[in-house]
Amino acid sequence: MSEAPDISVVVATRDRRERLAALLDSLAAQSFPNEGFEVVVVDDASRDGTPDLLAARQGSGELRLRSVRRDAAGGPAVARNQGWRAARGSLIAFTDDDCEAEPGWLEELCDAARKAPGTVLQGRTEPIGRERDRIGIFTRTIEVAQRGPWFETCNIAYPRSVLERIGGFEEGFPPSPGGEDTDLAWRALEAGAPIAYVPQAVIGHAVNDLGPVGKLRVALRWSDTAWIFGRHPALRRQFHWGVFWKPSHAKLLLAVAGLLLARRFPPALLLGLPYWREAVGRCNEAGTSRTGVPYIALHDAVETFAAVRGGVRYRVPVA
C-alpha cells in the first residue's frame, strides 16, 4: 500500500458484523481497479466479533483494507473523523456499515470527480433490492433520489481538501448522533464547495426491522437533530408552512384540531381527511392494512413532539 489511492472509502461501524461483511463483499466486487482505492473501517468499540472479521479480511488481501479500533465508543462523527484523517485518498467516500455498494459505485464517483474537481458528490441510495419485500411500518431504510437537502453519509464523497478546510464532522454535539452529516454538507456549501448529485453512483441501504418500540425510540431521537436548523437557517426553507419539518406533522395537527372541534362543529372532522389519506397511503406502501393507521399516527405524534422539544431546546421554530 505504498502508493496513495485515488479514493478512500471510510466506514464507521459498531456491532454490525454481518452487515459489515456484506458491505466489504460489495466493495471487493467493484468494477474500479483494486489498486485504485482503499477501505478504512473504524470499529467504534464493537463487542460482536467485528475485530475478528476485520483481521480476517485484512489477511485475505481481497481489499486494500485498514481498520482502526477504538476502545471506547465515540459515536459516528468521531469515528468518521478518525477514518478520513487516517485515509490517504484525495477523495473520501463515506458509506454506512448497513449498506452495500453497486459494482460501479466507485467508478462513477471517480469519473464525476475528474469532471468536476473540488465538488462534493452525493450518490443515489435505495433499499437493498433483495430486502424490499421486508419494508413495513416498523422498518427503517433510506432512499435518496435527488441532491440534498440532508446529504446523508450513506452515500457521499468529499474532496479531502474540503474536509480539511471545514474541519470534518462536528464532534460531541448534539448529545446523541443525528444531523452531523447534514451539518457537514451545509458547512461545505457555506464555505463555497459545490455539491453535485451523481445518480449512477448507487448504494443499497438495509431495510432494518426496528419493531414498534424501536421505531418510536428513533422518532424521539430527532429532538437532538433540531440544532442543525439553528446553525443553518437555509435548511428551514424545506419546512412545510414555514414550521413543520414534515408535511405529515402539519396534517396530523389539523386532524387533532378537527377532533377537538367536532363536538361543537361536526364538519370539523373533515380536517382529518388529509392525514387519513396520507396514513392509508403509507400503509399501502408498507404492504399492511388500514389497521396500521393508529400506529402511524402514534409514530407521527412522537416525532412531532420530538421536533417541538428540540425546537425549544435549540430555540428554533420547528414541529
Protein backbone atom coordinates (compact mmCIF):
# COMPACT_ATOMS: atom_id res chain seq x y z
CA MET A 1 0.00 0.00 0.00
CA SER A 2 2.85 2.36 -0.80
CA GLU A 3 1.02 4.37 -3.46
CA ALA A 4 -1.78 6.68 -2.38
CA PRO A 5 -5.14 5.52 -3.78
CA ASP A 6 -7.40 7.64 -5.94
CA ILE A 7 -10.26 7.28 -3.48
CA SER A 8 -10.66 6.13 0.12
CA VAL A 9 -13.86 4.54 1.41
CA VAL A 10 -14.43 5.37 5.09
CA VAL A 11 -16.85 3.37 7.20
CA ALA A 12 -17.71 3.77 10.87
CA THR A 13 -19.04 0.57 12.40
CA ARG A 14 -20.35 -0.75 15.69
CA ASP A 15 -21.81 -4.20 16.38
CA ARG A 16 -22.93 -4.96 12.82
CA ARG A 17 -20.56 -7.75 11.92
CA GLU A 18 -22.79 -9.48 9.36
CA ARG A 19 -23.89 -6.26 7.70
CA LEU A 20 -20.28 -5.08 7.55
CA ALA A 21 -19.23 -8.35 5.93
CA ALA A 22 -21.81 -7.83 3.18
CA LEU A 23 -20.56 -4.28 2.62
CA LEU A 24 -16.95 -5.49 2.31
CA ASP A 25 -18.09 -8.15 -0.17
CA SER A 26 -19.70 -5.45 -2.30
CA LEU A 27 -16.55 -3.31 -2.18
CA ALA A 28 -14.42 -6.29 -3.21
CA ALA A 29 -16.69 -6.66 -6.26
CA GLN A 30 -16.23 -3.08 -7.52
CA SER A 31 -15.52 -2.52 -11.20
CA PHE A 32 -12.96 0.10 -10.15
CA PRO A 33 -9.38 -1.28 -10.07
CA ASN A 34 -8.49 -2.74 -6.68
CA GLU A 35 -5.25 -0.78 -6.52
CA GLY A 36 -7.14 2.48 -7.08
CA PHE A 37 -8.96 2.53 -3.77
CA GLU A 38 -8.58 1.69 -0.11
CA VAL A 39 -11.13 0.93 2.60
CA VAL A 40 -10.69 2.35 6.09
CA VAL A 41 -13.04 0.89 8.71
CA VAL A 42 -13.19 2.48 12.15
CA ASP A 43 -14.51 -0.02 14.68
CA ASP A 44 -16.22 2.10 17.33
CA ALA A 45 -15.72 -0.37 20.22
CA SER A 46 -17.75 -3.24 18.77
CA ARG A 47 -18.47 -6.25 21.00
CA ASP A 48 -19.78 -8.71 18.41
CA GLY A 49 -16.67 -10.15 16.77
CA THR A 50 -16.16 -7.29 14.32
CA PRO A 51 -12.39 -7.11 15.10
CA ASP A 52 -12.02 -10.79 14.12
CA LEU A 53 -13.87 -10.17 10.86
CA LEU A 54 -11.66 -7.20 10.01
CA ALA A 55 -8.48 -9.11 10.87
CA ALA A 56 -9.52 -11.98 8.60
CA ARG A 57 -10.41 -9.64 5.73
CA GLN A 58 -7.14 -7.75 6.05
CA GLY A 59 -5.26 -11.03 5.87
CA SER A 60 -7.13 -12.19 2.76
CA GLY A 61 -5.75 -9.43 0.54
CA GLU A 62 -9.02 -9.08 -1.39
CA LEU A 63 -9.18 -5.38 -0.46
CA ARG A 64 -6.72 -2.68 0.44
CA LEU A 65 -8.31 -2.69 3.87
CA ARG A 66 -7.18 -0.98 7.04
CA SER A 67 -9.02 -0.97 10.33
CA VAL A 68 -8.82 1.36 13.29
CA ARG A 69 -10.03 0.06 16.63
CA ARG A 70 -11.50 2.41 19.23
CA ASP A 71 -11.54 1.08 22.79
CA ALA A 72 -14.43 3.35 23.81
CA ALA A 73 -17.39 4.28 21.63
CA GLY A 74 -17.27 7.90 20.50
CA GLY A 75 -20.17 7.93 18.04
CA PRO A 76 -20.22 8.15 14.25
CA ALA A 77 -18.88 11.70 13.96
CA VAL A 78 -15.76 10.87 15.99
CA ALA A 79 -15.23 7.57 14.16
CA ARG A 80 -15.64 9.08 10.70
CA ASN A 81 -13.24 11.90 11.53
CA GLN A 82 -10.67 9.37 12.67
CA GLY A 83 -11.26 7.40 9.48
CA TRP A 84 -10.86 10.15 6.91
CA ARG A 85 -7.82 11.56 8.70
CA ALA A 86 -6.19 8.12 8.53
CA ALA A 87 -7.14 7.71 4.88
CA ARG A 88 -4.76 8.63 2.06
CA GLY A 89 -7.03 9.28 -0.91
CA SER A 90 -7.66 12.74 -2.28
CA LEU A 91 -11.37 11.82 -2.48
CA ILE A 92 -13.09 10.41 0.63
CA ALA A 93 -16.25 8.37 0.07
CA PHE A 94 -18.45 7.71 3.07
CA THR A 95 -20.95 4.91 3.40
CA ASP A 96 -22.57 3.10 6.32
CA ASP A 97 -21.99 -0.35 7.76
CA ASP A 98 -25.54 -1.45 6.85
CA CYS A 99 -25.13 -0.61 3.17
CA GLU A 100 -23.97 -2.43 0.03
CA ALA A 101 -22.34 -0.76 -2.96
CA GLU A 102 -23.38 -1.46 -6.52
CA PRO A 103 -20.40 -2.64 -8.63
CA GLY A 104 -19.98 0.68 -10.43
CA TRP A 105 -20.24 2.89 -7.34
CA LEU A 106 -16.60 3.94 -7.03
CA GLU A 107 -16.06 4.15 -10.78
CA GLU A 108 -18.96 6.58 -11.13
CA LEU A 109 -17.79 8.72 -8.19
CA CYS A 110 -14.24 8.94 -9.53
CA ASP A 111 -15.46 9.74 -13.05
CA ALA A 112 -17.63 12.56 -11.65
CA ALA A 113 -14.71 13.84 -9.55
CA ARG A 114 -12.49 14.06 -12.62
CA LYS A 115 -15.13 16.07 -14.47
CA ALA A 116 -15.80 18.43 -11.54
CA PRO A 117 -12.71 18.77 -9.31
CA GLY A 118 -13.36 20.11 -5.84
CA THR A 119 -17.03 19.08 -5.88
CA VAL A 120 -18.79 17.15 -3.13
CA LEU A 121 -20.57 14.20 -4.77
CA GLN A 122 -23.83 12.75 -3.49
CA GLY A 123 -24.88 9.39 -4.93
CA ARG A 124 -28.24 7.66 -5.16
CA THR A 125 -29.40 5.47 -2.28
CA GLU A 126 -32.21 2.95 -2.41
CA PRO A 127 -33.25 -0.08 -0.34
CA ILE A 128 -31.21 -3.22 -0.98
CA GLY A 129 -33.12 -4.98 -3.75
CA ARG A 130 -33.48 -8.38 -2.08
CA GLU A 131 -34.79 -6.70 1.09
CA ARG A 132 -37.52 -4.56 -0.45
CA ASP A 133 -40.20 -7.06 0.48
CA ARG A 134 -39.31 -6.52 4.16
CA ILE A 135 -40.43 -2.88 4.11
CA GLY A 136 -43.19 -2.33 6.64
CA ILE A 137 -44.44 0.20 9.16
CA PHE A 138 -41.86 -0.93 11.73
CA THR A 139 -38.84 -0.81 9.41
CA ARG A 140 -36.38 1.92 8.53
CA THR A 141 -34.35 2.39 5.38
CA ILE A 142 -33.01 5.35 3.41
CA GLU A 143 -33.81 6.47 -0.11
CA VAL A 144 -32.04 9.40 -1.77
CA ALA A 145 -33.24 10.23 -5.28
CA GLN A 146 -32.12 13.85 -5.58
CA ARG A 147 -29.47 16.30 -4.42
CA GLY A 148 -29.87 17.14 -0.72
CA PRO A 149 -31.10 18.58 1.45
CA TRP A 150 -29.90 16.14 4.14
CA PHE A 151 -26.76 14.82 2.42
CA GLU A 152 -26.67 11.51 4.27
CA THR A 153 -23.29 9.82 4.77
CA CYS A 154 -24.63 6.52 3.47
CA ASN A 155 -23.51 7.71 0.01
CA ILE A 156 -21.44 10.87 -0.33
CA ALA A 157 -17.85 11.72 -1.28
CA TYR A 158 -15.84 14.76 -0.21
CA PRO A 159 -12.60 16.07 -1.63
CA ARG A 160 -10.08 15.72 1.17
CA SER A 161 -9.23 19.41 0.77
CA VAL A 162 -12.83 20.34 1.63
CA LEU A 163 -12.83 18.19 4.77
CA GLU A 164 -9.55 19.73 5.87
CA ARG A 165 -10.82 23.24 5.23
CA ILE A 166 -14.01 22.85 7.28
CA GLY A 167 -12.55 20.58 9.96
CA GLY A 168 -14.62 17.44 9.36
CA PHE A 169 -17.65 16.37 11.34
CA GLU A 170 -18.84 18.21 14.43
CA GLU A 171 -17.89 16.11 17.48
CA GLY A 172 -19.63 16.00 20.85
CA PHE A 173 -22.73 17.88 19.77
CA PRO A 174 -25.57 17.05 19.80
CA PRO A 175 -25.71 14.63 22.76
CA SER A 176 -26.83 11.72 20.54
CA PRO A 177 -25.99 11.02 16.88
CA GLY A 178 -28.14 12.88 14.41
CA GLY A 179 -27.63 15.61 11.84
CA GLU A 180 -23.83 15.63 11.86
CA ASP A 181 -23.78 14.55 8.19
CA THR A 182 -26.24 17.28 7.20
CA ASP A 183 -24.24 19.84 9.16
CA LEU A 184 -21.01 18.81 7.41
CA ALA A 185 -22.51 19.26 3.94
CA TRP A 186 -24.07 22.62 4.72
CA ARG A 187 -20.80 23.89 6.17
CA ALA A 188 -19.13 22.77 2.94
CA LEU A 189 -21.75 24.67 0.93
CA GLU A 190 -21.33 27.76 3.07
CA ALA A 191 -17.56 27.53 2.53
CA GLY A 192 -18.10 27.65 -1.23
CA ALA A 193 -17.84 23.96 -2.15
CA PRO A 194 -20.31 22.86 -4.85
CA ILE A 195 -22.34 19.68 -4.32
CA ALA A 196 -23.46 17.58 -7.29
CA TYR A 197 -25.83 14.62 -7.49
CA VAL A 198 -24.47 11.51 -9.19
CA PRO A 199 -27.44 9.17 -9.74
CA GLN A 200 -25.31 6.46 -11.35
CA ALA A 201 -23.31 6.01 -8.12
CA VAL A 202 -25.68 3.67 -6.29
CA ILE A 203 -25.66 2.37 -2.73
CA GLY A 204 -28.21 -0.10 -1.37
CA HIS A 205 -29.35 0.59 2.18
CA ALA A 206 -30.53 -2.15 4.54
CA VAL A 207 -34.18 -2.46 5.48
CA ASN A 208 -33.84 -2.64 9.26
CA ASP A 209 -36.72 -4.02 11.30
CA LEU A 210 -36.81 -1.87 14.44
CA GLY A 211 -40.06 -3.19 15.87
CA PRO A 212 -42.85 -0.90 17.12
CA VAL A 213 -40.98 0.29 20.23
CA GLY A 214 -37.64 0.66 18.47
CA LYS A 215 -39.10 2.83 15.75
CA LEU A 216 -40.65 5.13 18.36
CA ARG A 217 -37.27 5.39 20.08
CA VAL A 218 -35.73 6.53 16.80
CA ALA A 219 -38.51 9.11 16.42
CA LEU A 220 -37.75 10.52 19.88
CA ARG A 221 -34.08 10.84 18.95
CA TRP A 222 -34.85 13.60 16.44
CA SER A 223 -35.01 16.14 19.28
CA ASP A 224 -31.24 16.37 19.12
CA THR A 225 -31.33 16.98 15.37
CA ALA A 226 -33.04 20.37 15.68
CA TRP A 227 -29.66 22.03 16.29
CA ILE A 228 -28.86 21.88 12.57
CA PHE A 229 -31.86 24.12 11.79
CA GLY A 230 -30.46 26.80 14.08
CA ARG A 231 -26.95 26.55 12.68
CA HIS A 232 -28.13 26.52 9.04
CA PRO A 233 -31.23 28.71 8.65
CA ALA A 234 -31.38 27.98 4.90
CA LEU A 235 -32.45 24.43 5.80
CA ARG A 236 -35.68 25.85 7.18
CA ARG A 237 -36.77 26.64 3.62
CA GLN A 238 -37.58 22.94 3.42
CA PHE A 239 -40.24 23.33 6.12
CA HIS A 240 -43.92 22.92 5.36
CA TRP A 241 -45.80 26.15 6.14
CA GLY A 242 -42.52 27.56 7.44
CA VAL A 243 -42.58 25.50 10.66
CA PHE A 244 -43.25 21.81 10.05
CA TRP A 245 -40.29 19.54 9.41
CA LYS A 246 -42.57 17.05 7.62
CA PRO A 247 -45.94 17.71 5.93
CA SER A 248 -47.39 14.75 7.87
CA HIS A 249 -46.84 16.65 11.13
CA ALA A 250 -48.98 19.54 9.91
CA LYS A 251 -51.69 17.17 8.68
CA LEU A 252 -51.71 15.31 11.99
CA LEU A 253 -52.19 18.52 13.98
CA LEU A 254 -55.04 19.51 11.65
CA ALA A 255 -56.65 16.14 12.29
CA VAL A 256 -56.30 16.58 16.07
CA ALA A 257 -57.82 20.06 15.81
CA GLY A 258 -60.69 18.60 13.83
CA LEU A 259 -61.37 16.01 16.51
CA LEU A 260 -61.36 18.65 19.24
CA LEU A 261 -63.69 20.97 17.33
CA ALA A 262 -66.06 18.24 16.16
CA ARG A 263 -68.04 18.19 19.43
CA ARG A 264 -69.41 21.64 18.69
CA PHE A 265 -68.99 21.64 14.92
CA PRO A 266 -69.14 18.12 13.43
CA PRO A 267 -67.99 19.16 9.92
CA ALA A 268 -64.60 19.93 11.52
CA LEU A 269 -63.91 16.20 11.23
CA LEU A 270 -63.13 16.91 7.57
CA LEU A 271 -59.88 18.47 8.76
CA GLY A 272 -58.68 14.94 9.39
CA LEU A 273 -59.13 13.75 5.80
CA PRO A 274 -55.68 14.83 4.51
CA TYR A 275 -53.96 12.93 7.30
CA TRP A 276 -56.19 9.88 6.91
CA ARG A 277 -55.42 9.70 3.19
CA GLU A 278 -51.69 10.01 3.80
CA ALA A 279 -51.67 7.39 6.56
CA VAL A 280 -53.64 4.93 4.42
CA GLY A 281 -51.23 5.58 1.55
CA ARG A 282 -48.29 4.82 3.81
CA CYS A 283 -49.97 1.59 4.92
CA ASN A 284 -50.39 0.60 1.28
CA GLU A 285 -46.74 1.35 0.53
CA ALA A 286 -45.70 -0.72 3.54
CA GLY A 287 -47.90 -3.62 2.46
CA THR A 288 -50.13 -3.52 5.52
CA SER A 289 -53.85 -2.94 6.04
CA ARG A 290 -55.54 0.17 7.41
CA THR A 291 -55.14 -1.32 10.88
CA GLY A 292 -51.68 0.23 10.77
CA VAL A 293 -53.08 3.78 10.74
CA PRO A 294 -53.19 4.15 14.57
CA TYR A 295 -49.54 3.17 14.85
CA ILE A 296 -48.55 5.57 12.07
CA ALA A 297 -50.44 8.34 13.88
CA LEU A 298 -48.71 7.46 17.16
CA HIS A 299 -45.31 7.50 15.43
CA ASP A 300 -46.01 10.89 13.84
CA ALA A 301 -47.21 12.26 17.18
CA VAL A 302 -43.99 11.12 18.90
CA GLU A 303 -41.91 12.54 16.05
CA THR A 304 -43.77 15.86 16.21
CA PHE A 305 -43.27 16.00 19.97
CA ALA A 306 -39.55 15.29 19.49
CA ALA A 307 -39.27 18.07 16.90
CA VAL A 308 -41.05 20.59 19.15
CA ARG A 309 -38.92 19.57 22.14
CA GLY A 310 -35.78 20.01 20.05
CA GLY A 311 -37.02 23.34 18.77
CA VAL A 312 -37.49 24.58 22.33
CA ARG A 313 -34.11 23.24 23.37
CA TYR A 314 -32.25 24.88 20.50
CA ARG A 315 -34.56 27.88 20.09
CA VAL A 316 -35.68 27.04 16.59
CA PRO A 317 -39.33 27.15 15.45
CA VAL A 318 -39.87 23.58 14.27
CA ALA A 319 -42.59 21.00 14.71
